[in-house]
Amino acid sequence: MENLKEEINLIILTHNDYDGISAGIIGKVVYPNAKVEFCNYDDINEKVLEYLGKDVIFITDISVNEEVAEKLKKTILNTMIVYYYLTIIKLQNG
């Protein structure tokens, strides 16, 4: 992950609540060149699709719908999802 700091366009998409904002701040400290976007459930799917396949995406504290989850499965090599609620289990189990 050290190479991500300078070599790759890293996008951190995180929820716009308190724990999501905290995740964005921590991500920016660890990866200063990362672009952080704070999302809500009305725009997370659109944001993921905007960056999918072009950049490395970290998704924290928010989940996507089933359609976007299917697309993520196909490009999972450049996506990391950090989420602790049960809604993510479908994506993990395929």
N, C-alpha and C. Protein backbone atom coordinates (compact mmCIF):
# COMPACT_ATOMS: atom_id res chain seq x y z
N MET A 1 0.81 -1.20 0.00
CA MET A 1 0.00 0.00 0.00
C MET A 1 0.86 1.27 0.00
N GLU A 2 2.10 1.16 0.34
CA GLU A 2 2.98 2.33 0.35
C GLU A 2 3.03 2.99 -1.02
N ASN A 3 2.99 2.21 -2.10
CA ASN A 3 3.04 2.76 -3.45
C ASN A 3 1.82 3.61 -3.78
N LEU A 4 0.71 3.38 -3.11
CA LEU A 4 -0.50 4.15 -3.38
C LEU A 4 -0.33 5.62 -3.04
N LYS A 5 0.60 5.94 -2.19
CA LYS A 5 0.75 7.32 -1.74
C LYS A 5 1.13 8.26 -2.88
N GLU A 6 1.83 7.76 -3.89
CA GLU A 6 2.28 8.66 -4.95
C GLU A 6 1.96 8.19 -6.36
N GLU A 7 1.83 6.89 -6.58
CA GLU A 7 1.77 6.36 -7.93
C GLU A 7 0.37 6.22 -8.51
N ILE A 8 -0.65 6.12 -7.71
CA ILE A 8 -1.98 5.77 -8.19
C ILE A 8 -2.98 6.87 -7.79
N ASN A 9 -3.95 7.08 -8.65
CA ASN A 9 -5.05 7.98 -8.31
C ASN A 9 -5.97 7.27 -7.33
N LEU A 10 -5.87 7.62 -6.07
CA LEU A 10 -6.68 6.99 -5.03
C LEU A 10 -7.87 7.88 -4.71
N ILE A 11 -9.04 7.27 -4.76
CA ILE A 11 -10.28 7.96 -4.42
C ILE A 11 -10.85 7.30 -3.16
N ILE A 12 -11.14 8.09 -2.16
CA ILE A 12 -11.78 7.59 -0.95
C ILE A 12 -13.21 8.14 -0.94
N LEU A 13 -14.17 7.24 -1.08
CA LEU A 13 -15.58 7.60 -1.02
C LEU A 13 -16.09 7.15 0.33
N THR A 14 -16.56 8.08 1.12
CA THR A 14 -16.96 7.76 2.48
C THR A 14 -18.27 8.47 2.84
N HIS A 15 -18.96 7.91 3.81
CA HIS A 15 -20.24 8.44 4.24
C HIS A 15 -20.05 9.82 4.86
N ASN A 16 -21.06 10.66 4.76
CA ASN A 16 -20.96 12.02 5.28
C ASN A 16 -21.46 12.14 6.72
N ASP A 17 -21.42 11.03 7.48
CA ASP A 17 -21.75 11.13 8.91
C ASP A 17 -20.44 11.16 9.70
N TYR A 18 -20.54 11.19 11.03
CA TYR A 18 -19.34 11.38 11.85
C TYR A 18 -18.28 10.31 11.66
N ASP A 19 -18.67 9.03 11.66
CA ASP A 19 -17.65 8.00 11.51
C ASP A 19 -17.13 7.95 10.08
N GLY A 20 -17.94 8.30 9.11
CA GLY A 20 -17.46 8.37 7.73
C GLY A 20 -16.48 9.52 7.53
N ILE A 21 -16.78 10.66 8.13
CA ILE A 21 -15.86 11.80 8.06
C ILE A 21 -14.53 11.44 8.72
N SER A 22 -14.60 10.74 9.84
CA SER A 22 -13.37 10.29 10.51
C SER A 22 -12.55 9.38 9.60
N ALA A 23 -13.21 8.47 8.90
CA ALA A 23 -12.52 7.58 7.97
C ALA A 23 -11.86 8.38 6.85
N GLY A 24 -12.54 9.40 6.37
CA GLY A 24 -11.96 10.25 5.33
C GLY A 24 -10.74 11.00 5.81
N ILE A 25 -10.80 11.49 7.02
CA ILE A 25 -9.65 12.21 7.59
C ILE A 25 -8.46 11.28 7.75
N ILE A 26 -8.70 10.10 8.30
CA ILE A 26 -7.62 9.12 8.48
C ILE A 26 -7.04 8.73 7.11
N GLY A 27 -7.90 8.50 6.14
CA GLY A 27 -7.43 8.16 4.81
C GLY A 27 -6.56 9.25 4.21
N LYS A 28 -6.93 10.48 4.40
CA LYS A 28 -6.16 11.61 3.88
C LYS A 28 -4.82 11.75 4.59
N VAL A 29 -4.78 11.43 5.87
CA VAL A 29 -3.51 11.47 6.61
C VAL A 29 -2.57 10.39 6.08
N VAL A 30 -3.10 9.19 5.88
CA VAL A 30 -2.28 8.06 5.41
C VAL A 30 -1.91 8.24 3.94
N TYR A 31 -2.83 8.73 3.13
CA TYR A 31 -2.61 8.92 1.69
C TYR A 31 -2.88 10.38 1.33
N PRO A 32 -1.91 11.26 1.56
CA PRO A 32 -2.14 12.70 1.38
C PRO A 32 -2.57 13.10 -0.03
N ASN A 33 -2.21 12.33 -1.03
CA ASN A 33 -2.58 12.67 -2.41
C ASN A 33 -3.95 12.14 -2.80
N ALA A 34 -4.61 11.43 -1.91
CA ALA A 34 -5.93 10.87 -2.21
C ALA A 34 -6.97 11.97 -2.34
N LYS A 35 -7.95 11.71 -3.19
CA LYS A 35 -9.11 12.58 -3.28
C LYS A 35 -10.19 11.97 -2.40
N VAL A 36 -10.70 12.74 -1.46
CA VAL A 36 -11.74 12.26 -0.55
C VAL A 36 -13.07 12.93 -0.92
N GLU A 37 -14.09 12.10 -1.08
CA GLU A 37 -15.43 12.64 -1.34
C GLU A 37 -16.39 12.07 -0.30
N PHE A 38 -17.16 12.96 0.32
CA PHE A 38 -18.14 12.57 1.31
C PHE A 38 -19.48 12.37 0.61
N CYS A 39 -20.05 11.19 0.79
CA CYS A 39 -21.25 10.80 0.04
C CYS A 39 -22.39 10.47 1.00
N ASN A 40 -23.59 10.43 0.43
CA ASN A 40 -24.74 9.91 1.15
C ASN A 40 -25.35 8.82 0.29
N TYR A 41 -26.41 8.20 0.75
CA TYR A 41 -26.99 7.09 0.01
C TYR A 41 -27.68 7.52 -1.28
N ASP A 42 -27.88 8.80 -1.48
CA ASP A 42 -28.46 9.30 -2.72
C ASP A 42 -27.45 9.40 -3.85
N ASP A 43 -26.15 9.48 -3.52
CA ASP A 43 -25.15 9.68 -4.57
C ASP A 43 -23.98 8.69 -4.58
N ILE A 44 -23.91 7.76 -3.64
CA ILE A 44 -22.77 6.85 -3.58
C ILE A 44 -22.67 5.98 -4.83
N ASN A 45 -23.78 5.48 -5.33
CA ASN A 45 -23.74 4.61 -6.51
C ASN A 45 -23.20 5.35 -7.73
N GLU A 46 -23.66 6.55 -7.93
CA GLU A 46 -23.20 7.38 -9.04
C GLU A 46 -21.70 7.67 -8.92
N LYS A 47 -21.26 7.98 -7.71
CA LYS A 47 -19.84 8.28 -7.48
C LYS A 47 -18.96 7.06 -7.77
N VAL A 48 -19.37 5.89 -7.31
CA VAL A 48 -18.60 4.68 -7.55
C VAL A 48 -18.49 4.42 -9.05
N LEU A 49 -19.59 4.53 -9.76
CA LEU A 49 -19.57 4.29 -11.20
C LEU A 49 -18.71 5.31 -11.94
N GLU A 50 -18.66 6.53 -11.42
CA GLU A 50 -17.84 7.58 -12.02
C GLU A 50 -16.35 7.20 -12.02
N TYR A 51 -15.90 6.57 -10.94
CA TYR A 51 -14.48 6.27 -10.78
C TYR A 51 -14.12 4.82 -11.11
N LEU A 52 -15.10 3.97 -11.25
CA LEU A 52 -14.87 2.54 -11.43
C LEU A 52 -14.02 2.25 -12.66
N GLY A 53 -12.94 1.51 -12.46
CA GLY A 53 -12.07 1.13 -13.55
C GLY A 53 -11.00 2.13 -13.91
N LYS A 54 -11.11 3.36 -13.42
CA LYS A 54 -10.14 4.40 -13.73
C LYS A 54 -9.17 4.66 -12.58
N ASP A 55 -9.61 4.39 -11.40
CA ASP A 55 -8.85 4.75 -10.21
C ASP A 55 -8.95 3.62 -9.19
N VAL A 56 -8.14 3.73 -8.15
CA VAL A 56 -8.28 2.84 -7.01
C VAL A 56 -9.29 3.50 -6.08
N ILE A 57 -10.27 2.72 -5.66
CA ILE A 57 -11.36 3.27 -4.85
C ILE A 57 -11.38 2.60 -3.48
N PHE A 58 -11.38 3.39 -2.43
CA PHE A 58 -11.67 2.91 -1.09
C PHE A 58 -13.07 3.42 -0.76
N ILE A 59 -13.96 2.51 -0.37
CA ILE A 59 -15.32 2.88 0.03
C ILE A 59 -15.42 2.59 1.52
N THR A 60 -15.70 3.62 2.31
CA THR A 60 -15.74 3.43 3.76
C THR A 60 -17.07 3.89 4.33
N ASP A 61 -17.59 3.11 5.25
CA ASP A 61 -18.76 3.45 6.05
C ASP A 61 -20.03 3.69 5.24
N ILE A 62 -20.13 3.10 4.07
CA ILE A 62 -21.34 3.25 3.26
C ILE A 62 -21.38 2.07 2.28
N SER A 63 -22.56 1.66 1.91
CA SER A 63 -22.68 0.54 0.97
C SER A 63 -23.35 1.00 -0.32
N VAL A 64 -23.21 0.19 -1.34
CA VAL A 64 -23.78 0.48 -2.65
C VAL A 64 -24.97 -0.44 -2.90
N ASN A 65 -25.74 -0.14 -3.94
CA ASN A 65 -26.87 -1.00 -4.27
C ASN A 65 -26.39 -2.28 -4.97
N GLU A 66 -27.30 -3.22 -5.21
CA GLU A 66 -26.92 -4.52 -5.78
C GLU A 66 -26.35 -4.40 -7.19
N GLU A 67 -26.88 -3.51 -7.99
CA GLU A 67 -26.38 -3.33 -9.36
C GLU A 67 -24.92 -2.88 -9.35
N VAL A 68 -24.61 -1.89 -8.54
CA VAL A 68 -23.24 -1.40 -8.45
C VAL A 68 -22.34 -2.46 -7.79
N ALA A 69 -22.87 -3.19 -6.84
CA ALA A 69 -22.10 -4.27 -6.20
C ALA A 69 -21.67 -5.30 -7.23
N GLU A 70 -22.54 -5.63 -8.17
CA GLU A 70 -22.20 -6.59 -9.23
C GLU A 70 -21.06 -6.05 -10.09
N LYS A 71 -21.10 -4.76 -10.40
CA LYS A 71 -20.04 -4.15 -11.20
C LYS A 71 -18.73 -4.11 -10.41
N LEU A 72 -18.83 -3.88 -9.11
CA LEU A 72 -17.63 -3.89 -8.26
C LEU A 72 -16.97 -5.27 -8.24
N LYS A 73 -17.78 -6.30 -8.22
CA LYS A 73 -17.24 -7.66 -8.20
C LYS A 73 -16.34 -7.92 -9.41
N LYS A 74 -16.68 -7.34 -10.54
CA LYS A 74 -15.91 -7.54 -11.77
C LYS A 74 -14.61 -6.75 -11.77
N THR A 75 -14.53 -5.71 -10.97
CA THR A 75 -13.33 -4.87 -10.94
C THR A 75 -12.76 -4.76 -9.53
N ILE A 76 -12.98 -5.78 -8.74
CA ILE A 76 -12.64 -5.75 -7.32
C ILE A 76 -11.14 -5.57 -7.06
N LEU A 77 -10.31 -5.79 -8.06
CA LEU A 77 -8.88 -5.65 -7.87
C LEU A 77 -8.46 -4.22 -7.55
N ASN A 78 -9.25 -3.24 -7.94
CA ASN A 78 -8.88 -1.87 -7.65
C ASN A 78 -9.87 -1.18 -6.70
N THR A 79 -10.58 -1.99 -5.91
CA THR A 79 -11.55 -1.44 -4.98
C THR A 79 -11.40 -2.09 -3.61
N MET A 80 -11.40 -1.28 -2.57
CA MET A 80 -11.41 -1.79 -1.20
C MET A 80 -12.63 -1.22 -0.51
N ILE A 81 -13.40 -2.07 0.12
CA ILE A 81 -14.59 -1.64 0.84
C ILE A 81 -14.37 -1.89 2.33
N VAL A 82 -14.52 -0.85 3.10
CA VAL A 82 -14.38 -0.95 4.55
C VAL A 82 -15.72 -0.53 5.14
N TYR A 83 -16.47 -1.54 5.63
CA TYR A 83 -17.81 -1.27 6.12
C TYR A 83 -18.15 -2.34 7.15
N TYR A 84 -18.79 -1.97 8.21
CA TYR A 84 -18.99 -2.90 9.30
C TYR A 84 -20.46 -3.29 9.53
N TYR A 85 -21.35 -2.89 8.67
CA TYR A 85 -22.74 -3.26 8.82
C TYR A 85 -23.07 -4.50 8.00
N LEU A 86 -24.15 -5.17 8.32
CA LEU A 86 -24.53 -6.42 7.66
C LEU A 86 -24.89 -6.24 6.18
N THR A 87 -25.18 -5.04 5.73
CA THR A 87 -25.57 -4.84 4.34
C THR A 87 -24.45 -5.17 3.36
N ILE A 88 -23.23 -5.29 3.82
CA ILE A 88 -22.10 -5.58 2.95
C ILE A 88 -21.90 -7.06 2.72
N ILE A 89 -22.54 -7.92 3.50
CA ILE A 89 -22.30 -9.37 3.43
C ILE A 89 -22.58 -9.92 2.05
N LYS A 90 -23.63 -9.46 1.37
CA LYS A 90 -23.95 -9.95 0.03
C LYS A 90 -22.78 -9.74 -0.92
N LEU A 91 -22.13 -8.59 -0.86
CA LEU A 91 -21.01 -8.31 -1.74
C LEU A 91 -19.82 -9.20 -1.42
N GLN A 92 -19.56 -9.43 -0.16
CA GLN A 92 -18.43 -10.25 0.23
C GLN A 92 -18.62 -11.71 -0.16
N ASN A 93 -19.81 -12.23 -0.04
CA ASN A 93 -20.05 -13.64 -0.29
C ASN A 93 -20.33 -13.97 -1.75
N GLY A 94 -20.49 -12.95 -2.58
CA GLY A 94 -20.70 -13.15 -4.00
C GLY A 94 -21.99 -13.82 -4.27
